[in-house]
Amino acid sequence: MIEAIAAVGAAAPALQLQPAAAAPGFAGWLGQQAGATNAALVQAEQAVQALAAGEQASLHEVMIQLEEARLSFQLLAQVRNRMLEAYQEVMRMQV
């Protein structure tokens, strides 16, 4: 009986498990969002400068870029505020 079990184990191919690549964590996501927000703010500022210099004729496009940058910044600020609230809550916990 034991030899039969050993034979089954020998016949089955050995599986070599590859460790899964680590998924980007919250810190990575937050860094990406901060970079994207900064890029949106810089791009909106450049669009305003171009409009003021007369290089860009579309006020509508500039306003859209400004609004997208503003919303991106507000989202990032809200995430930061929630993180600070969570940290303060943890610090208030009694051990």
N, C-alpha and C. Protein backbone atom coordinates (compact mmCIF):
# COMPACT_ATOMS: atom_id res chain seq x y z
N MET A 1 0.82 -1.19 0.00
CA MET A 1 0.00 0.00 0.00
C MET A 1 0.87 1.25 0.00
N ILE A 2 1.89 1.28 0.84
CA ILE A 2 2.77 2.45 0.90
C ILE A 2 3.56 2.59 -0.39
N GLU A 3 3.96 1.44 -0.99
CA GLU A 3 4.68 1.52 -2.26
C GLU A 3 3.79 2.12 -3.35
N ALA A 4 2.51 1.85 -3.32
CA ALA A 4 1.58 2.39 -4.32
C ALA A 4 1.46 3.90 -4.17
N ILE A 5 1.42 4.37 -2.95
CA ILE A 5 1.34 5.81 -2.71
C ILE A 5 2.64 6.48 -3.16
N ALA A 6 3.77 5.87 -2.88
CA ALA A 6 5.06 6.42 -3.30
C ALA A 6 5.16 6.45 -4.82
N ALA A 7 4.61 5.43 -5.49
CA ALA A 7 4.65 5.39 -6.95
C ALA A 7 3.81 6.52 -7.55
N VAL A 8 2.68 6.81 -6.94
CA VAL A 8 1.84 7.91 -7.43
C VAL A 8 2.58 9.23 -7.25
N GLY A 9 3.24 9.41 -6.12
CA GLY A 9 4.00 10.63 -5.87
C GLY A 9 5.16 10.78 -6.83
N ALA A 10 5.79 9.70 -7.22
CA ALA A 10 6.92 9.76 -8.15
C ALA A 10 6.44 10.05 -9.57
N ALA A 11 5.24 9.59 -9.91
CA ALA A 11 4.73 9.78 -11.26
C ALA A 11 4.23 11.21 -11.48
N ALA A 12 3.78 11.85 -10.44
CA ALA A 12 3.25 13.22 -10.58
C ALA A 12 4.42 14.18 -10.78
N PRO A 13 4.32 15.06 -11.76
CA PRO A 13 5.41 16.02 -11.97
C PRO A 13 5.48 17.02 -10.80
N ALA A 14 6.69 17.34 -10.46
CA ALA A 14 6.88 18.28 -9.35
C ALA A 14 6.53 19.69 -9.82
N LEU A 15 5.72 20.35 -9.07
CA LEU A 15 5.34 21.72 -9.40
C LEU A 15 6.36 22.68 -8.81
N GLN A 16 6.82 23.57 -9.64
CA GLN A 16 7.73 24.60 -9.15
C GLN A 16 6.94 25.90 -9.12
N LEU A 17 6.69 26.36 -7.94
CA LEU A 17 5.90 27.57 -7.79
C LEU A 17 6.80 28.79 -7.90
N GLN A 18 6.39 29.69 -8.73
CA GLN A 18 7.10 30.96 -8.88
C GLN A 18 6.45 31.97 -7.95
N PRO A 19 7.25 32.69 -7.19
CA PRO A 19 6.63 33.71 -6.34
C PRO A 19 5.99 34.79 -7.21
N ALA A 20 4.81 35.16 -6.85
CA ALA A 20 4.08 36.19 -7.62
C ALA A 20 4.75 37.54 -7.41
N ALA A 21 4.73 38.33 -8.46
CA ALA A 21 5.28 39.67 -8.34
C ALA A 21 4.41 40.46 -7.38
N ALA A 22 5.07 41.21 -6.53
CA ALA A 22 4.34 41.98 -5.54
C ALA A 22 3.52 43.06 -6.23
N ALA A 23 2.27 43.12 -5.86
CA ALA A 23 1.40 44.16 -6.41
C ALA A 23 1.81 45.50 -5.83
N PRO A 24 1.69 46.54 -6.63
CA PRO A 24 2.06 47.85 -6.10
C PRO A 24 1.16 48.19 -4.92
N GLY A 25 1.77 48.67 -3.88
CA GLY A 25 1.03 48.97 -2.66
C GLY A 25 0.41 50.35 -2.70
N PHE A 26 -0.16 50.71 -1.57
CA PHE A 26 -0.82 52.00 -1.47
C PHE A 26 0.17 53.13 -1.61
N ALA A 27 1.37 52.96 -1.07
CA ALA A 27 2.38 54.01 -1.18
C ALA A 27 2.77 54.24 -2.63
N GLY A 28 2.88 53.17 -3.40
CA GLY A 28 3.18 53.32 -4.82
C GLY A 28 2.07 54.03 -5.57
N TRP A 29 0.83 53.66 -5.25
CA TRP A 29 -0.31 54.31 -5.89
C TRP A 29 -0.36 55.79 -5.54
N LEU A 30 -0.12 56.09 -4.27
CA LEU A 30 -0.16 57.48 -3.83
C LEU A 30 0.94 58.29 -4.50
N GLY A 31 2.11 57.70 -4.66
CA GLY A 31 3.20 58.39 -5.35
C GLY A 31 2.86 58.65 -6.82
N GLN A 32 2.25 57.67 -7.46
CA GLN A 32 1.83 57.85 -8.85
C GLN A 32 0.80 58.96 -8.98
N GLN A 33 -0.14 58.98 -8.06
CA GLN A 33 -1.19 60.00 -8.11
C GLN A 33 -0.62 61.39 -7.83
N ALA A 34 0.34 61.47 -6.92
CA ALA A 34 0.97 62.76 -6.66
C ALA A 34 1.72 63.25 -7.89
N GLY A 35 2.40 62.35 -8.57
CA GLY A 35 3.10 62.72 -9.80
C GLY A 35 2.14 63.14 -10.90
N ALA A 36 1.03 62.41 -11.04
CA ALA A 36 0.04 62.76 -12.06
C ALA A 36 -0.62 64.09 -11.75
N THR A 37 -0.88 64.34 -10.48
CA THR A 37 -1.48 65.62 -10.08
C THR A 37 -0.53 66.76 -10.36
N ASN A 38 0.73 66.58 -10.03
CA ASN A 38 1.72 67.61 -10.30
C ASN A 38 1.84 67.88 -11.80
N ALA A 39 1.85 66.83 -12.59
CA ALA A 39 1.93 67.00 -14.05
C ALA A 39 0.71 67.75 -14.58
N ALA A 40 -0.47 67.44 -14.05
CA ALA A 40 -1.69 68.13 -14.49
C ALA A 40 -1.65 69.60 -14.11
N LEU A 41 -1.14 69.90 -12.92
CA LEU A 41 -1.04 71.30 -12.49
C LEU A 41 -0.04 72.07 -13.34
N VAL A 42 1.09 71.44 -13.66
CA VAL A 42 2.10 72.09 -14.50
C VAL A 42 1.55 72.32 -15.90
N GLN A 43 0.87 71.33 -16.44
CA GLN A 43 0.30 71.45 -17.79
C GLN A 43 -0.76 72.54 -17.83
N ALA A 44 -1.59 72.62 -16.80
CA ALA A 44 -2.62 73.66 -16.76
C ALA A 44 -1.98 75.04 -16.65
N GLU A 45 -0.93 75.16 -15.86
CA GLU A 45 -0.24 76.45 -15.74
C GLU A 45 0.39 76.86 -17.06
N GLN A 46 0.97 75.91 -17.77
CA GLN A 46 1.54 76.22 -19.08
C GLN A 46 0.46 76.63 -20.08
N ALA A 47 -0.71 76.01 -19.99
CA ALA A 47 -1.81 76.38 -20.88
C ALA A 47 -2.29 77.80 -20.58
N VAL A 48 -2.34 78.16 -19.31
CA VAL A 48 -2.74 79.52 -18.94
C VAL A 48 -1.72 80.53 -19.47
N GLN A 49 -0.44 80.21 -19.32
CA GLN A 49 0.61 81.10 -19.81
C GLN A 49 0.52 81.25 -21.33
N ALA A 50 0.26 80.15 -22.02
CA ALA A 50 0.14 80.20 -23.48
C ALA A 50 -1.07 81.03 -23.90
N LEU A 51 -2.16 80.90 -23.15
CA LEU A 51 -3.36 81.68 -23.46
C LEU A 51 -3.10 83.17 -23.23
N ALA A 52 -2.41 83.48 -22.14
CA ALA A 52 -2.12 84.88 -21.83
C ALA A 52 -1.18 85.49 -22.87
N ALA A 53 -0.29 84.67 -23.43
CA ALA A 53 0.65 85.16 -24.44
C ALA A 53 0.03 85.19 -25.83
N GLY A 54 -1.19 84.68 -25.98
CA GLY A 54 -1.86 84.68 -27.27
C GLY A 54 -1.48 83.51 -28.15
N GLU A 55 -0.76 82.55 -27.61
CA GLU A 55 -0.33 81.39 -28.39
C GLU A 55 -1.46 80.36 -28.53
N GLN A 56 -2.34 80.31 -27.56
CA GLN A 56 -3.42 79.33 -27.59
C GLN A 56 -4.74 80.10 -27.64
N ALA A 57 -5.58 79.74 -28.58
CA ALA A 57 -6.81 80.50 -28.81
C ALA A 57 -8.02 79.92 -28.08
N SER A 58 -7.92 78.72 -27.55
CA SER A 58 -9.09 78.05 -26.99
C SER A 58 -9.16 78.23 -25.47
N LEU A 59 -9.96 79.16 -25.04
CA LEU A 59 -10.19 79.37 -23.61
C LEU A 59 -10.89 78.15 -23.01
N HIS A 60 -11.74 77.53 -23.80
CA HIS A 60 -12.48 76.36 -23.35
C HIS A 60 -11.52 75.23 -22.95
N GLU A 61 -10.53 74.94 -23.77
CA GLU A 61 -9.56 73.88 -23.47
C GLU A 61 -8.75 74.21 -22.22
N VAL A 62 -8.38 75.46 -22.07
CA VAL A 62 -7.61 75.87 -20.89
C VAL A 62 -8.45 75.69 -19.63
N MET A 63 -9.71 76.04 -19.68
CA MET A 63 -10.58 75.89 -18.52
C MET A 63 -10.79 74.41 -18.18
N ILE A 64 -10.88 73.57 -19.19
CA ILE A 64 -11.01 72.13 -18.94
C ILE A 64 -9.76 71.61 -18.25
N GLN A 65 -8.58 72.01 -18.71
CA GLN A 65 -7.33 71.57 -18.08
C GLN A 65 -7.24 72.06 -16.64
N LEU A 66 -7.64 73.30 -16.41
CA LEU A 66 -7.62 73.84 -15.04
C LEU A 66 -8.56 73.07 -14.12
N GLU A 67 -9.74 72.75 -14.62
CA GLU A 67 -10.71 72.02 -13.80
C GLU A 67 -10.24 70.60 -13.51
N GLU A 68 -9.64 69.93 -14.50
CA GLU A 68 -9.11 68.58 -14.27
C GLU A 68 -7.99 68.62 -13.24
N ALA A 69 -7.13 69.61 -13.32
CA ALA A 69 -6.04 69.73 -12.35
C ALA A 69 -6.60 70.01 -10.96
N ARG A 70 -7.62 70.86 -10.88
CA ARG A 70 -8.22 71.18 -9.59
C ARG A 70 -8.86 69.95 -8.95
N LEU A 71 -9.60 69.17 -9.75
CA LEU A 71 -10.24 67.97 -9.23
C LEU A 71 -9.21 66.93 -8.78
N SER A 72 -8.15 66.79 -9.54
CA SER A 72 -7.09 65.86 -9.18
C SER A 72 -6.44 66.26 -7.86
N PHE A 73 -6.21 67.55 -7.70
CA PHE A 73 -5.61 68.05 -6.46
C PHE A 73 -6.56 67.86 -5.28
N GLN A 74 -7.85 68.11 -5.49
CA GLN A 74 -8.82 67.91 -4.41
C GLN A 74 -8.89 66.45 -3.98
N LEU A 75 -8.84 65.54 -4.94
CA LEU A 75 -8.85 64.12 -4.61
C LEU A 75 -7.62 63.76 -3.78
N LEU A 76 -6.47 64.23 -4.19
CA LEU A 76 -5.24 63.94 -3.46
C LEU A 76 -5.29 64.53 -2.05
N ALA A 77 -5.83 65.73 -1.92
CA ALA A 77 -5.95 66.35 -0.60
C ALA A 77 -6.91 65.57 0.29
N GLN A 78 -8.00 65.06 -0.27
CA GLN A 78 -8.95 64.28 0.51
C GLN A 78 -8.34 62.96 0.99
N VAL A 79 -7.56 62.32 0.12
CA VAL A 79 -6.88 61.08 0.52
C VAL A 79 -5.90 61.37 1.65
N ARG A 80 -5.15 62.47 1.52
CA ARG A 80 -4.22 62.85 2.57
C ARG A 80 -4.95 63.12 3.89
N ASN A 81 -6.06 63.84 3.82
CA ASN A 81 -6.82 64.14 5.03
C ASN A 81 -7.34 62.88 5.70
N ARG A 82 -7.83 61.95 4.90
CA ARG A 82 -8.32 60.68 5.46
C ARG A 82 -7.18 59.89 6.10
N MET A 83 -6.01 59.92 5.48
CA MET A 83 -4.86 59.22 6.06
C MET A 83 -4.47 59.84 7.39
N LEU A 84 -4.47 61.16 7.47
CA LEU A 84 -4.14 61.83 8.72
C LEU A 84 -5.17 61.53 9.80
N GLU A 85 -6.44 61.50 9.44
CA GLU A 85 -7.48 61.16 10.41
C GLU A 85 -7.30 59.74 10.92
N ALA A 86 -6.97 58.82 10.04
CA ALA A 86 -6.76 57.43 10.44
C ALA A 86 -5.54 57.32 11.36
N TYR A 87 -4.49 58.04 11.04
CA TYR A 87 -3.29 58.03 11.89
C TYR A 87 -3.61 58.58 13.27
N GLN A 88 -4.33 59.69 13.31
CA GLN A 88 -4.68 60.29 14.60
C GLN A 88 -5.57 59.36 15.41
N GLU A 89 -6.46 58.65 14.74
CA GLU A 89 -7.32 57.69 15.43
C GLU A 89 -6.50 56.56 16.03
N VAL A 90 -5.53 56.07 15.29
CA VAL A 90 -4.66 55.01 15.81
C VAL A 90 -3.85 55.52 16.99
N MET A 91 -3.38 56.75 16.91
CA MET A 91 -2.59 57.30 18.01
C MET A 91 -3.43 57.52 19.27
N ARG A 92 -4.74 57.71 19.11
CA ARG A 92 -5.61 57.89 20.27
C ARG A 92 -5.98 56.57 20.93
N MET A 93 -5.74 55.47 20.25
CA MET A 93 -6.07 54.16 20.83
C MET A 93 -5.21 53.89 22.05
N GLN A 94 -5.85 53.31 23.05
CA GLN A 94 -5.10 52.96 24.24
C GLN A 94 -4.62 51.53 24.11
N VAL A 95 -3.40 51.33 24.54
CA VAL A 95 -2.79 50.01 24.40
C VAL A 95 -3.11 49.13 25.57
